[in-house]
Amino acid sequence: MGISNKDQEILKAESNTRTLKEWIEFFENRYTKGQIYGFCYHRGLGIKKISKEEKSKIQSENARKYHINQDYFKKWSHNMAYILGLWFADGCIYGGKMFDITLHKRDKYILKQIAQELQYEGNLYDCVDRQAARLNFSCVVIYSDIIALGGTECKSNTITFPIIPKEYLHDFIRGYFDGDGSIMCLKNNRINTAFTSGSKIFLDQLLEILKLEAGIEGGSYDPSSLSLRFGKRDSIKLGNYMYKDNPQLFLQRKKDKFKNIK
């Protein structure tokens, strides 16, 4: 059942006066969240947004209802290093307890795998307006462990390469690449592989590690795109290094591009 003509007129006139949750309550649950949001979105109608404080409070309260392995980041493993690397690229911590990784909705499956790895029983969040999916929960212990491992709040331009045991370096780098890396096939069989970061120090340290551990010979920093770039020969070495030992966690679409290099 669609939204009635009467209720459509109400939404057209007053859409930005209530949040999505308040509209559902106003209409006494006659319509789903998707119906109301979709109606407003396709007509360019705004919906009142909840404040950051209210959103954080709601997510924190919801997260506490669910079990999670709060000691997960205390012990190194291949999967832990990968998740940490992905967090360094596309994650954040805030408020002294909140942990978040946000990816494009097409990569939601990897967030589900990470949630299982963390033994997190809560829900993932869909950010419809951003075409994104989020793993977001409250855990003071995990927040503190991320800090101890080199993470910070507002880290985008200030991160440095963390201290990672050698046997897990390729997992951490693969995780970071899945978050802020790209591989493109150009004309004339050329390949351009890149890591992106607002912190040049992080990229400089990453390059030194790749030269030492993966046998990378080139690599150049592009200030216009804040990225560390590699050509075809080094891209092959990079792929062999990141995907060695048959890892469990990776974005399939990026791995497939390395497999197709000829």
C-alpha atoms as a PDB file:
ATOM      1  CA  MET A   1       0.000   0.000   0.000  1.00  0.00           C
ATOM      2  CA  GLY A   2       1.368   3.393  -0.993  1.00  0.00           C
ATOM      3  CA  ILE A   3       1.146   6.671   0.846  1.00  0.00           C
ATOM      4  CA  SER A   4      -2.378   8.091   0.658  1.00  0.00           C
ATOM      5  CA  ASN A   5      -3.023  11.334  -1.219  1.00  0.00           C
ATOM      6  CA  LYS A   6      -3.917  13.081   2.033  1.00  0.00           C
ATOM      7  CA  ASP A   7      -0.673  12.045   3.718  1.00  0.00           C
ATOM      8  CA  GLN A   8       1.321  12.937   0.610  1.00  0.00           C
ATOM      9  CA  GLU A   9       0.036  16.496   0.848  1.00  0.00           C
ATOM     10  CA  ILE A  10       1.022  16.638   4.524  1.00  0.00           C
ATOM     11  CA  LEU A  11       4.539  15.502   3.668  1.00  0.00           C
ATOM     12  CA  LYS A  12       4.840  18.020   0.846  1.00  0.00           C
ATOM     13  CA  ALA A  13       3.876  20.851   3.157  1.00  0.00           C
ATOM     14  CA  GLU A  14       5.667  19.803   6.352  1.00  0.00           C
ATOM     15  CA  SER A  15       8.389  17.241   5.502  1.00  0.00           C
ATOM     16  CA  ASN A  16      11.246  19.143   7.165  1.00  0.00           C
ATOM     17  CA  THR A  17       9.404  19.656  10.455  1.00  0.00           C
ATOM     18  CA  ARG A  18       9.882  16.061  11.674  1.00  0.00           C
ATOM     19  CA  THR A  19      12.603  13.419  11.652  1.00  0.00           C
ATOM     20  CA  LEU A  20      12.013  10.128   9.849  1.00  0.00           C
ATOM     21  CA  LYS A  21      11.267   8.423  13.168  1.00  0.00           C
ATOM     22  CA  GLU A  22       8.804  11.172  14.103  1.00  0.00           C
ATOM     23  CA  TRP A  23       7.011  10.853  10.760  1.00  0.00           C
ATOM     24  CA  ILE A  24       6.584   7.110  11.274  1.00  0.00           C
ATOM     25  CA  GLU A  25       5.058   7.799  14.675  1.00  0.00           C
ATOM     26  CA  PHE A  26       2.917  10.621  13.253  1.00  0.00           C
ATOM     27  CA  PHE A  27       1.461   8.278  10.638  1.00  0.00           C
ATOM     28  CA  GLU A  28       0.959   5.601  13.329  1.00  0.00           C
ATOM     29  CA  ASN A  29       3.233   3.085  11.539  1.00  0.00           C
ATOM     30  CA  ARG A  30       1.063   3.013   8.406  1.00  0.00           C
ATOM     31  CA  TYR A  31       4.191   3.426   6.266  1.00  0.00           C
ATOM     32  CA  THR A  32       7.709   2.046   6.398  1.00  0.00           C
ATOM     33  CA  LYS A  33      10.856   4.123   6.761  1.00  0.00           C
ATOM     34  CA  GLY A  34      11.694   3.343   3.125  1.00  0.00           C
ATOM     35  CA  GLN A  35       8.308   4.555   1.863  1.00  0.00           C
ATOM     36  CA  ILE A  36       8.535   7.902   3.635  1.00  0.00           C
ATOM     37  CA  TYR A  37      12.182   8.481   2.792  1.00  0.00           C
ATOM     38  CA  GLY A  38      11.689   7.426  -0.833  1.00  0.00           C
ATOM     39  CA  PHE A  39       8.686   9.708  -1.309  1.00  0.00           C
ATOM     40  CA  CYS A  40      10.569  12.726   0.024  1.00  0.00           C
ATOM     41  CA  TYR A  41      13.857  11.916  -1.697  1.00  0.00           C
ATOM     42  CA  HIS A  42      12.374  11.619  -5.191  1.00  0.00           C
ATOM     43  CA  ARG A  43      10.536  14.950  -4.776  1.00  0.00           C
ATOM     44  CA  GLY A  44      13.449  16.857  -3.342  1.00  0.00           C
ATOM     45  CA  LEU A  45      11.763  17.220   0.034  1.00  0.00           C
ATOM     46  CA  GLY A  46      13.947  17.582   3.088  1.00  0.00           C
ATOM     47  CA  ILE A  47      13.446  15.617   6.280  1.00  0.00           C
ATOM     48  CA  LYS A  48      14.506  17.017   9.626  1.00  0.00           C
ATOM     49  CA  LYS A  49      17.794  15.467  10.726  1.00  0.00           C
ATOM     50  CA  ILE A  50      18.543  14.411  14.264  1.00  0.00           C
ATOM     51  CA  SER A  51      21.501  16.108  15.916  1.00  0.00           C
ATOM     52  CA  LYS A  52      24.903  14.433  16.108  1.00  0.00           C
ATOM     53  CA  GLU A  53      24.480  14.183  19.860  1.00  0.00           C
ATOM     54  CA  GLU A  54      21.115  12.443  19.544  1.00  0.00           C
ATOM     55  CA  LYS A  55      22.438  10.107  16.833  1.00  0.00           C
ATOM     56  CA  SER A  56      25.490   9.183  18.897  1.00  0.00           C
ATOM     57  CA  LYS A  57      23.296   8.562  21.950  1.00  0.00           C
ATOM     58  CA  ILE A  58      20.913   6.307  20.003  1.00  0.00           C
ATOM     59  CA  GLN A  59      23.731   4.276  18.434  1.00  0.00           C
ATOM     60  CA  SER A  60      25.519   3.990  21.760  1.00  0.00           C
ATOM     61  CA  GLU A  61      22.374   2.764  23.501  1.00  0.00           C
ATOM     62  CA  ASN A  62      21.676   0.268  20.709  1.00  0.00           C
ATOM     63  CA  ALA A  63      25.248  -1.015  20.693  1.00  0.00           C
ATOM     64  CA  ARG A  64      25.214  -1.765  24.399  1.00  0.00           C
ATOM     65  CA  LYS A  65      22.360  -4.188  23.858  1.00  0.00           C
ATOM     66  CA  TYR A  66      24.577  -6.501  21.832  1.00  0.00           C
ATOM     67  CA  HIS A  67      27.506  -8.742  22.603  1.00  0.00           C
ATOM     68  CA  ILE A  68      30.953  -7.980  21.205  1.00  0.00           C
ATOM     69  CA  ASN A  69      34.414  -9.414  21.847  1.00  0.00           C
ATOM     70  CA  GLN A  70      35.817  -6.299  23.509  1.00  0.00           C
ATOM     71  CA  ASP A  71      39.311  -7.824  23.732  1.00  0.00           C
ATOM     72  CA  TYR A  72      39.547  -8.486  19.984  1.00  0.00           C
ATOM     73  CA  PHE A  73      42.291  -5.925  19.294  1.00  0.00           C
ATOM     74  CA  LYS A  74      44.480  -7.114  22.157  1.00  0.00           C
ATOM     75  CA  LYS A  75      45.857 -10.093  20.218  1.00  0.00           C
ATOM     76  CA  TRP A  76      47.430 -10.005  16.749  1.00  0.00           C
ATOM     77  CA  SER A  77      46.082 -12.219  13.983  1.00  0.00           C
ATOM     78  CA  HIS A  78      45.905 -11.948  10.191  1.00  0.00           C
ATOM     79  CA  ASN A  79      42.267 -10.869  10.348  1.00  0.00           C
ATOM     80  CA  MET A  80      42.868  -8.417  13.185  1.00  0.00           C
ATOM     81  CA  ALA A  81      45.672  -6.738  11.204  1.00  0.00           C
ATOM     82  CA  TYR A  82      43.418  -6.483   8.143  1.00  0.00           C
ATOM     83  CA  ILE A  83      40.571  -4.899  10.126  1.00  0.00           C
ATOM     84  CA  LEU A  84      42.995  -2.460  11.738  1.00  0.00           C
ATOM     85  CA  GLY A  85      44.319  -1.499   8.303  1.00  0.00           C
ATOM     86  CA  LEU A  86      40.797  -0.969   6.971  1.00  0.00           C
ATOM     87  CA  TRP A  87      40.013   1.126  10.036  1.00  0.00           C
ATOM     88  CA  PHE A  88      43.122   3.279   9.441  1.00  0.00           C
ATOM     89  CA  ALA A  89      41.747   4.006   5.964  1.00  0.00           C
ATOM     90  CA  ASP A  90      37.985   4.276   6.404  1.00  0.00           C
ATOM     91  CA  GLY A  91      37.335   4.200  10.121  1.00  0.00           C
ATOM     92  CA  CYS A  92      37.087   6.592  13.017  1.00  0.00           C
ATOM     93  CA  ILE A  93      36.774   6.641  16.786  1.00  0.00           C
ATOM     94  CA  TYR A  94      35.088   9.384  18.777  1.00  0.00           C
ATOM     95  CA  GLY A  95      33.463  10.264  22.057  1.00  0.00           C
ATOM     96  CA  GLY A  96      35.798   8.110  24.116  1.00  0.00           C
ATOM     97  CA  LYS A  97      33.951   4.905  23.194  1.00  0.00           C
ATOM     98  CA  MET A  98      32.599   4.864  19.635  1.00  0.00           C
ATOM     99  CA  PHE A  99      34.144   2.727  16.862  1.00  0.00           C
ATOM    100  CA  ASP A 100      33.127   3.124  13.226  1.00  0.00           C
ATOM    101  CA  ILE A 101      34.021   1.813   9.772  1.00  0.00           C
ATOM    102  CA  THR A 102      32.045   3.211   6.830  1.00  0.00           C
ATOM    103  CA  LEU A 103      32.235   1.765   3.309  1.00  0.00           C
ATOM    104  CA  HIS A 104      30.307   2.006   0.054  1.00  0.00           C
ATOM    105  CA  LYS A 105      27.109  -0.051   0.178  1.00  0.00           C
ATOM    106  CA  ARG A 106      28.477  -2.454  -2.463  1.00  0.00           C
ATOM    107  CA  ASP A 107      31.121  -3.526   0.083  1.00  0.00           C
ATOM    108  CA  LYS A 108      28.669  -4.135   2.912  1.00  0.00           C
ATOM    109  CA  TYR A 109      29.487  -7.839   2.794  1.00  0.00           C
ATOM    110  CA  ILE A 110      32.985  -7.217   4.162  1.00  0.00           C
ATOM    111  CA  LEU A 111      31.472  -5.290   7.085  1.00  0.00           C
ATOM    112  CA  LYS A 112      29.292  -8.321   7.808  1.00  0.00           C
ATOM    113  CA  GLN A 113      32.388 -10.529   7.841  1.00  0.00           C
ATOM    114  CA  ILE A 114      34.139  -8.101  10.178  1.00  0.00           C
ATOM    115  CA  ALA A 115      31.118  -7.998  12.486  1.00  0.00           C
ATOM    116  CA  GLN A 116      31.236 -11.794  12.665  1.00  0.00           C
ATOM    117  CA  GLU A 117      34.966 -11.698  13.364  1.00  0.00           C
ATOM    118  CA  LEU A 118      34.356  -9.254  16.231  1.00  0.00           C
ATOM    119  CA  GLN A 119      31.456 -11.395  17.445  1.00  0.00           C
ATOM    120  CA  TYR A 120      29.258  -8.327  17.193  1.00  0.00           C
ATOM    121  CA  GLU A 121      25.578  -9.237  17.263  1.00  0.00           C
ATOM    122  CA  GLY A 122      24.144  -5.804  16.491  1.00  0.00           C
ATOM    123  CA  ASN A 123      22.972  -4.399  13.188  1.00  0.00           C
ATOM    124  CA  LEU A 124      24.865  -2.575  10.472  1.00  0.00           C
ATOM    125  CA  TYR A 125      23.648   0.900   9.571  1.00  0.00           C
ATOM    126  CA  ASP A 126      22.610   1.946   6.074  1.00  0.00           C
ATOM    127  CA  CYS A 127      23.356   5.570   5.153  1.00  0.00           C
ATOM    128  CA  VAL A 128      20.893   5.878   2.275  1.00  0.00           C
ATOM    129  CA  ASP A 129      21.769   9.480   1.455  1.00  0.00           C
ATOM    130  CA  ARG A 130      25.492   8.610   1.203  1.00  0.00           C
ATOM    131  CA  GLN A 131      25.087   5.224  -0.504  1.00  0.00           C
ATOM    132  CA  ALA A 132      27.116   3.790   2.366  1.00  0.00           C
ATOM    133  CA  ALA A 133      27.027   1.118   5.051  1.00  0.00           C
ATOM    134  CA  ARG A 134      28.419   1.460   8.579  1.00  0.00           C
ATOM    135  CA  LEU A 135      29.679  -0.795  11.320  1.00  0.00           C
ATOM    136  CA  ASN A 136      29.221   1.407  14.385  1.00  0.00           C
ATOM    137  CA  PHE A 137      29.196   0.463  18.050  1.00  0.00           C
ATOM    138  CA  SER A 138      30.158   1.641  21.507  1.00  0.00           C
ATOM    139  CA  CYS A 139      32.994  -0.082  23.370  1.00  0.00           C
ATOM    140  CA  VAL A 140      35.408   1.754  25.662  1.00  0.00           C
ATOM    141  CA  VAL A 141      37.888  -1.142  25.652  1.00  0.00           C
ATOM    142  CA  ILE A 142      38.131  -1.314  21.844  1.00  0.00           C
ATOM    143  CA  TYR A 143      38.367   2.478  21.661  1.00  0.00           C
ATOM    144  CA  SER A 144      41.301   2.394  24.098  1.00  0.00           C
ATOM    145  CA  ASP A 145      42.995  -0.465  22.242  1.00  0.00           C
ATOM    146  CA  ILE A 146      42.758   1.406  18.925  1.00  0.00           C
ATOM    147  CA  ILE A 147      44.458   4.370  20.608  1.00  0.00           C
ATOM    148  CA  ALA A 148      47.177   2.054  21.946  1.00  0.00           C
ATOM    149  CA  LEU A 149      47.706   0.667  18.415  1.00  0.00           C
ATOM    150  CA  GLY A 150      48.348   4.117  16.964  1.00  0.00           C
ATOM    151  CA  GLY A 151      44.863   5.327  16.097  1.00  0.00           C
ATOM    152  CA  THR A 152      43.539   8.764  17.002  1.00  0.00           C
ATOM    153  CA  GLU A 153      40.401  10.808  16.604  1.00  0.00           C
ATOM    154  CA  CYS A 154      40.420  13.131  13.549  1.00  0.00           C
ATOM    155  CA  LYS A 155      43.322  11.122  12.127  1.00  0.00           C
ATOM    156  CA  SER A 156      43.026  11.782   8.382  1.00  0.00           C
ATOM    157  CA  ASN A 157      45.947  14.187   8.026  1.00  0.00           C
ATOM    158  CA  THR A 158      48.056  13.140  10.987  1.00  0.00           C
ATOM    159  CA  ILE A 159      48.368   9.344  11.051  1.00  0.00           C
ATOM    160  CA  THR A 160      51.726   7.631  10.976  1.00  0.00           C
ATOM    161  CA  PHE A 161      52.355   4.007  10.098  1.00  0.00           C
ATOM    162  CA  PRO A 162      51.712   1.937  13.250  1.00  0.00           C
ATOM    163  CA  ILE A 163      54.014  -0.704  14.668  1.00  0.00           C
ATOM    164  CA  ILE A 164      52.840  -3.991  13.120  1.00  0.00           C
ATOM    165  CA  PRO A 165      54.485  -7.399  13.639  1.00  0.00           C
ATOM    166  CA  LYS A 166      56.262  -8.346  10.408  1.00  0.00           C
ATOM    167  CA  GLU A 167      54.157 -11.451   9.788  1.00  0.00           C
ATOM    168  CA  TYR A 168      50.986  -9.326   9.697  1.00  0.00           C
ATOM    169  CA  LEU A 169      52.243  -6.365   7.674  1.00  0.00           C
ATOM    170  CA  HIS A 170      50.766  -7.591   4.384  1.00  0.00           C
ATOM    171  CA  ASP A 171      47.364  -8.019   6.047  1.00  0.00           C
ATOM    172  CA  PHE A 172      47.384  -4.499   7.462  1.00  0.00           C
ATOM    173  CA  ILE A 173      48.454  -3.059   4.100  1.00  0.00           C
ATOM    174  CA  ARG A 174      45.759  -5.072   2.272  1.00  0.00           C
ATOM    175  CA  GLY A 175      43.177  -3.701   4.701  1.00  0.00           C
ATOM    176  CA  TYR A 176      44.357  -0.145   4.147  1.00  0.00           C
ATOM    177  CA  PHE A 177      44.342  -0.688   0.383  1.00  0.00           C
ATOM    178  CA  ASP A 178      40.768  -1.983   0.485  1.00  0.00           C
ATOM    179  CA  GLY A 179      39.798   1.244   2.196  1.00  0.00           C
ATOM    180  CA  ASP A 180      41.952   3.887   0.505  1.00  0.00           C
ATOM    181  CA  GLY A 181      43.607   2.111  -2.406  1.00  0.00           C
ATOM    182  CA  SER A 182      42.831   1.813  -6.098  1.00  0.00           C
ATOM    183  CA  ILE A 183      44.022  -0.049  -9.174  1.00  0.00           C
ATOM    184  CA  MET A 184      43.212   1.096 -12.698  1.00  0.00           C
ATOM    185  CA  CYS A 185      43.937  -0.386 -16.102  1.00  0.00           C
ATOM    186  CA  LEU A 186      44.985   2.430 -18.463  1.00  0.00           C
ATOM    187  CA  LYS A 187      45.669   2.591 -22.189  1.00  0.00           C
ATOM    188  CA  ASN A 188      48.509   0.612 -23.752  1.00  0.00           C
ATOM    189  CA  ASN A 189      48.293  -2.059 -21.040  1.00  0.00           C
ATOM    190  CA  ARG A 190      49.479   0.375 -18.371  1.00  0.00           C
ATOM    191  CA  ILE A 191      48.542  -0.106 -14.727  1.00  0.00           C
ATOM    192  CA  ASN A 192      48.209   2.575 -12.063  1.00  0.00           C
ATOM    193  CA  THR A 193      47.960   1.404  -8.465  1.00  0.00           C
ATOM    194  CA  ALA A 194      47.667   3.949  -5.663  1.00  0.00           C
ATOM    195  CA  PHE A 195      47.352   4.381  -1.904  1.00  0.00           C
ATOM    196  CA  THR A 196      45.721   7.619  -0.759  1.00  0.00           C
ATOM    197  CA  SER A 197      46.169   9.475   2.526  1.00  0.00           C
ATOM    198  CA  GLY A 198      46.077  13.031   3.811  1.00  0.00           C
ATOM    199  CA  SER A 199      49.243  12.180   5.735  1.00  0.00           C
ATOM    200  CA  LYS A 200      52.371  12.210   3.561  1.00  0.00           C
ATOM    201  CA  ILE A 201      54.357  10.832   6.491  1.00  0.00           C
ATOM    202  CA  PHE A 202      52.159   7.720   6.484  1.00  0.00           C
ATOM    203  CA  LEU A 203      52.674   7.220   2.736  1.00  0.00           C
ATOM    204  CA  ASP A 204      56.435   7.751   2.990  1.00  0.00           C
ATOM    205  CA  GLN A 205      56.643   5.131   5.736  1.00  0.00           C
ATOM    206  CA  LEU A 206      54.424   2.772   3.736  1.00  0.00           C
ATOM    207  CA  LEU A 207      56.710   3.083   0.704  1.00  0.00           C
ATOM    208  CA  GLU A 208      59.787   2.197   2.749  1.00  0.00           C
ATOM    209  CA  ILE A 209      58.042  -0.895   4.120  1.00  0.00           C
ATOM    210  CA  LEU A 210      56.904  -2.004   0.650  1.00  0.00           C
ATOM    211  CA  LYS A 211      60.416  -1.639  -0.724  1.00  0.00           C
ATOM    212  CA  LEU A 212      61.780  -3.757   2.099  1.00  0.00           C
ATOM    213  CA  GLU A 213      59.039  -6.396   2.368  1.00  0.00           C
ATOM    214  CA  ALA A 214      57.491  -6.598  -1.119  1.00  0.00           C
ATOM    215  CA  GLY A 215      60.495  -5.795  -3.313  1.00  0.00           C
ATOM    216  CA  ILE A 216      58.905  -2.631  -4.675  1.00  0.00           C
ATOM    217  CA  GLU A 217      61.413  -0.672  -6.763  1.00  0.00           C
ATOM    218  CA  GLY A 218      59.514   2.481  -7.726  1.00  0.00           C
ATOM    219  CA  GLY A 219      56.687   4.449  -6.201  1.00  0.00           C
ATOM    220  CA  SER A 220      56.081   8.183  -6.469  1.00  0.00           C
ATOM    221  CA  TYR A 221      54.092  10.659  -4.408  1.00  0.00           C
ATOM    222  CA  ASP A 222      51.482  12.727  -6.239  1.00  0.00           C
ATOM    223  CA  PRO A 223      50.690  15.868  -4.187  1.00  0.00           C
ATOM    224  CA  SER A 224      47.678  16.753  -6.345  1.00  0.00           C
ATOM    225  CA  SER A 225      45.840  13.581  -5.350  1.00  0.00           C
ATOM    226  CA  LEU A 226      47.614  12.950  -2.013  1.00  0.00           C
ATOM    227  CA  SER A 227      48.525   9.506  -3.244  1.00  0.00           C
ATOM    228  CA  LEU A 228      51.430   7.073  -3.549  1.00  0.00           C
ATOM    229  CA  ARG A 229      51.441   5.609  -7.075  1.00  0.00           C
ATOM    230  CA  PHE A 230      52.974   2.521  -8.680  1.00  0.00           C
ATOM    231  CA  GLY A 231      53.371   1.270 -12.222  1.00  0.00           C
ATOM    232  CA  LYS A 232      52.625  -2.156 -13.676  1.00  0.00           C
ATOM    233  CA  ARG A 233      55.724  -4.041 -12.523  1.00  0.00           C
ATOM    234  CA  ASP A 234      55.411  -2.862  -8.920  1.00  0.00           C
ATOM    235  CA  SER A 235      51.639  -3.420  -8.992  1.00  0.00           C
ATOM    236  CA  ILE A 236      52.206  -7.103  -9.721  1.00  0.00           C
ATOM    237  CA  LYS A 237      54.626  -7.326  -6.778  1.00  0.00           C
ATOM    238  CA  LEU A 238      52.179  -5.457  -4.580  1.00  0.00           C
ATOM    239  CA  GLY A 239      49.343  -7.836  -5.450  1.00  0.00           C
ATOM    240  CA  ASN A 240      51.491 -10.898  -4.803  1.00  0.00           C
ATOM    241  CA  TYR A 241      52.507  -9.450  -1.440  1.00  0.00           C
ATOM    242  CA  MET A 242      49.077  -8.363  -0.179  1.00  0.00           C
ATOM    243  CA  TYR A 243      47.266 -11.558  -1.144  1.00  0.00           C
ATOM    244  CA  LYS A 244      49.886 -14.095  -0.129  1.00  0.00           C
ATOM    245  CA  ASP A 245      48.973 -16.961   2.223  1.00  0.00           C
ATOM    246  CA  ASN A 246      45.345 -17.103   0.993  1.00  0.00           C
ATOM    247  CA  PRO A 247      43.827 -14.425   3.267  1.00  0.00           C
ATOM    248  CA  GLN A 248      40.274 -14.681   4.543  1.00  0.00           C
ATOM    249  CA  LEU A 249      39.371 -10.990   4.422  1.00  0.00           C
ATOM    250  CA  PHE A 250      39.631  -8.880   1.253  1.00  0.00           C
ATOM    251  CA  LEU A 251      37.470  -7.003  -1.234  1.00  0.00           C
ATOM    252  CA  GLN A 252      36.932  -9.370  -4.134  1.00  0.00           C
ATOM    253  CA  ARG A 253      36.577  -6.594  -6.732  1.00  0.00           C
ATOM    254  CA  LYS A 254      40.054  -5.258  -5.965  1.00  0.00           C
ATOM    255  CA  LYS A 255      41.694  -8.663  -5.825  1.00  0.00           C
ATOM    256  CA  ASP A 256      40.207  -9.527  -9.215  1.00  0.00           C
ATOM    257  CA  LYS A 257      41.878  -6.491 -10.795  1.00  0.00           C
ATOM    258  CA  PHE A 258      45.287  -7.714  -9.654  1.00  0.00           C
ATOM    259  CA  LYS A 259      44.526 -11.189 -11.013  1.00  0.00           C
ATOM    260  CA  ASN A 260      43.713  -9.696 -14.406  1.00  0.00           C
ATOM    261  CA  ILE A 261      47.028  -7.869 -14.858  1.00  0.00           C
ATOM    262  CA  LYS A 262      48.759  -9.278 -17.944  1.00  0.00           C
END
